[in-house]
Protein backbone atom coordinates (compact mmCIF):
# COMPACT_ATOMS: atom_id res chain seq x y z
CA MET A 1 19.99 59.96 3.95
CA GLU A 2 23.39 60.73 3.24
CA LEU A 3 26.43 61.40 5.68
CA GLN A 4 29.47 62.73 3.96
CA THR A 5 32.96 62.20 5.55
CA TYR A 6 36.24 64.56 4.51
CA ILE A 7 39.93 63.44 5.97
CA LYS A 8 42.06 65.92 5.34
CA ASP A 9 45.78 66.28 5.61
CA LEU A 10 46.74 62.78 5.07
CA LYS A 11 50.29 61.84 5.00
CA ILE A 12 50.38 59.69 2.16
CA SER A 13 50.60 60.21 -1.98
CA PRO A 14 47.43 59.75 -3.33
CA LYS A 15 48.52 57.10 -5.94
CA LYS A 16 49.10 54.90 -3.13
CA LEU A 17 45.94 55.73 -1.88
CA ARG A 18 44.15 54.90 -5.35
CA PHE A 19 45.78 51.25 -5.38
CA LEU A 20 43.20 50.28 -3.44
CA LEU A 21 40.41 51.66 -4.80
CA PRO A 22 38.55 49.77 -6.91
CA THR A 23 38.49 47.04 -4.83
CA ILE A 24 37.27 48.63 -1.98
CA LYS A 25 34.30 50.30 -3.76
CA LYS A 26 32.53 47.09 -4.88
CA LEU A 27 32.34 46.18 -1.33
CA LEU A 28 29.72 47.57 1.96
CA PRO A 29 31.07 49.46 3.88
CA VAL A 30 31.40 46.53 6.85
CA GLN A 31 32.65 44.10 4.43
CA ALA A 32 35.35 46.94 2.75
CA MET A 33 36.66 47.47 6.87
CA GLU A 34 37.00 43.44 7.19
CA TYR A 35 39.09 43.42 4.00
CA LEU A 36 41.41 45.79 4.82
CA ASN A 37 41.65 44.51 8.34
CA TYR A 38 43.56 41.76 6.72
CA SER A 39 46.17 43.79 4.00
CA PRO A 40 49.23 44.16 4.20
CA LYS A 41 49.86 47.15 2.88
CA ARG A 42 49.93 50.75 4.64
CA THR A 43 47.12 52.24 2.44
CA ALA A 44 45.07 50.06 3.76
CA ARG A 45 45.78 50.88 8.16
CA VAL A 46 44.63 54.63 6.61
CA PHE A 47 41.74 53.51 4.54
CA TYR A 48 40.05 51.51 7.54
CA GLN A 49 40.88 54.71 9.81
CA ALA A 50 38.66 57.05 7.35
CA ILE A 51 35.93 54.25 6.65
CA LYS A 52 35.49 52.90 10.51
CA SER A 53 35.21 57.43 11.33
CA ALA A 54 32.68 57.05 8.37
CA VAL A 55 30.44 54.49 9.75
CA THR A 56 30.51 55.53 13.90
CA ASN A 57 29.68 59.05 12.48
CA ALA A 58 26.84 57.59 10.26
CA GLU A 59 25.93 55.05 12.91
CA SER A 60 25.23 57.86 15.59
CA THR A 61 24.17 60.75 13.72
CA LEU A 62 21.19 58.96 11.42
CA LYS A 63 20.76 55.88 14.02
CA ILE A 64 21.04 53.91 11.22
CA ASP A 65 22.04 49.64 11.38
CA ALA A 66 26.40 49.16 10.43
CA LYS A 67 25.07 46.95 7.92
CA LEU A 68 22.51 49.38 5.99
CA LEU A 69 24.86 51.21 5.02
CA LYS A 70 27.32 51.77 1.67
CA PHE A 71 28.63 54.13 -0.86
CA LYS A 72 27.74 56.39 -2.79
CA VAL A 73 30.97 58.11 -3.31
CA LEU A 74 34.35 56.45 -1.74
CA THR A 75 37.21 59.43 -3.43
CA VAL A 76 40.78 60.05 -3.51
CA GLU A 77 42.01 63.52 -4.12
CA GLU A 78 45.26 66.01 -4.27
CA GLY A 79 46.03 67.80 -0.64
CA GLN A 80 49.07 69.84 -0.81
CA ARG A 81 52.61 69.39 -1.97
CA LEU A 82 55.14 70.50 0.18
CA LYS A 83 58.52 71.24 -1.62
CA ARG A 84 61.47 69.76 -0.12
CA PHE A 85 65.25 70.01 -1.45
CA ARG A 86 68.13 67.18 -1.14
CA PRO A 87 71.46 67.83 -0.87
CA GLY A 88 73.30 67.12 -5.36
CA ALA A 89 76.57 66.73 -6.51
CA ARG A 90 79.01 70.25 -6.34
CA GLY A 91 76.96 72.06 -3.64
CA THR A 92 73.20 71.32 -6.14
CA ALA A 93 69.83 71.10 -4.85
CA LYS A 94 67.96 68.56 -6.27
CA PRO A 95 63.38 69.65 -6.00
CA TYR A 96 61.09 67.15 -4.75
CA LYS A 97 57.64 67.10 -3.70
CA ARG A 98 55.67 65.46 -0.75
CA ARG A 99 52.13 64.69 -1.79
CA MET A 100 48.87 64.26 0.60
CA ALA A 101 45.85 63.20 0.59
CA HIS A 102 42.32 63.39 0.76
CA ILE A 103 39.51 60.72 1.32
CA LYS A 104 35.75 61.61 0.67
CA ILE A 105 33.33 59.41 1.58
CA VAL A 106 29.77 59.72 1.42
CA LEU A 107 27.73 56.38 2.52
CA THR A 108 24.26 56.37 2.26
CA ALA A 109 21.60 54.44 3.85
CA ASP A 110 19.57 51.38 2.24
CA VAL A 111 15.72 52.64 3.71
CA LYS A 112 14.52 49.46 1.36
CA LYS A 113 15.88 46.97 3.57
CA LYS A 114 15.51 48.71 6.98
CA SER A 115 11.80 48.60 5.89
CA LYS A 116 11.38 45.21 5.30
CA ILE A 117 13.87 44.22 8.48
CA LYS A 118 10.99 45.88 10.04
CA LYS A 119 8.42 43.65 8.86
CA VAL A 120 10.29 40.82 9.20
CA GLU A 121 10.59 41.80 12.96
CA LYS A 122 6.44 42.91 13.52
CA THR A 123 5.15 39.47 11.79
CA VAL A 124 7.47 37.68 14.56
CA LYS A 125 6.48 39.87 17.63
CA SER A 126 2.83 39.28 16.09
CA LYS A 127 2.86 35.27 16.04
């Protein structure tokens, strides 16, 4: 069981978002949210909101506890670029691009862990 969440047109550069990506990928989504909650970077807040949205979607649609979820795919993709100009010397225009990003999150559920939890609950109830 897996659930895909796609957050589009974030008004932050993909390069800035990719800085935190390797550390977050190694963690479980619940641990990643805890880590990002205390990080001082602006990108951490963006990732926190995206992961929180994905986890709540998974909980509501798949009816699975958040602790059983893990990342299958977590990527940052480039969005559209807005062309803008800044005034330069002698009436010239200096072009620059405002970049946007997309975040793709695919969460999977550990069914093995879930079955182990049910077995433990059954043995406790039978005693």
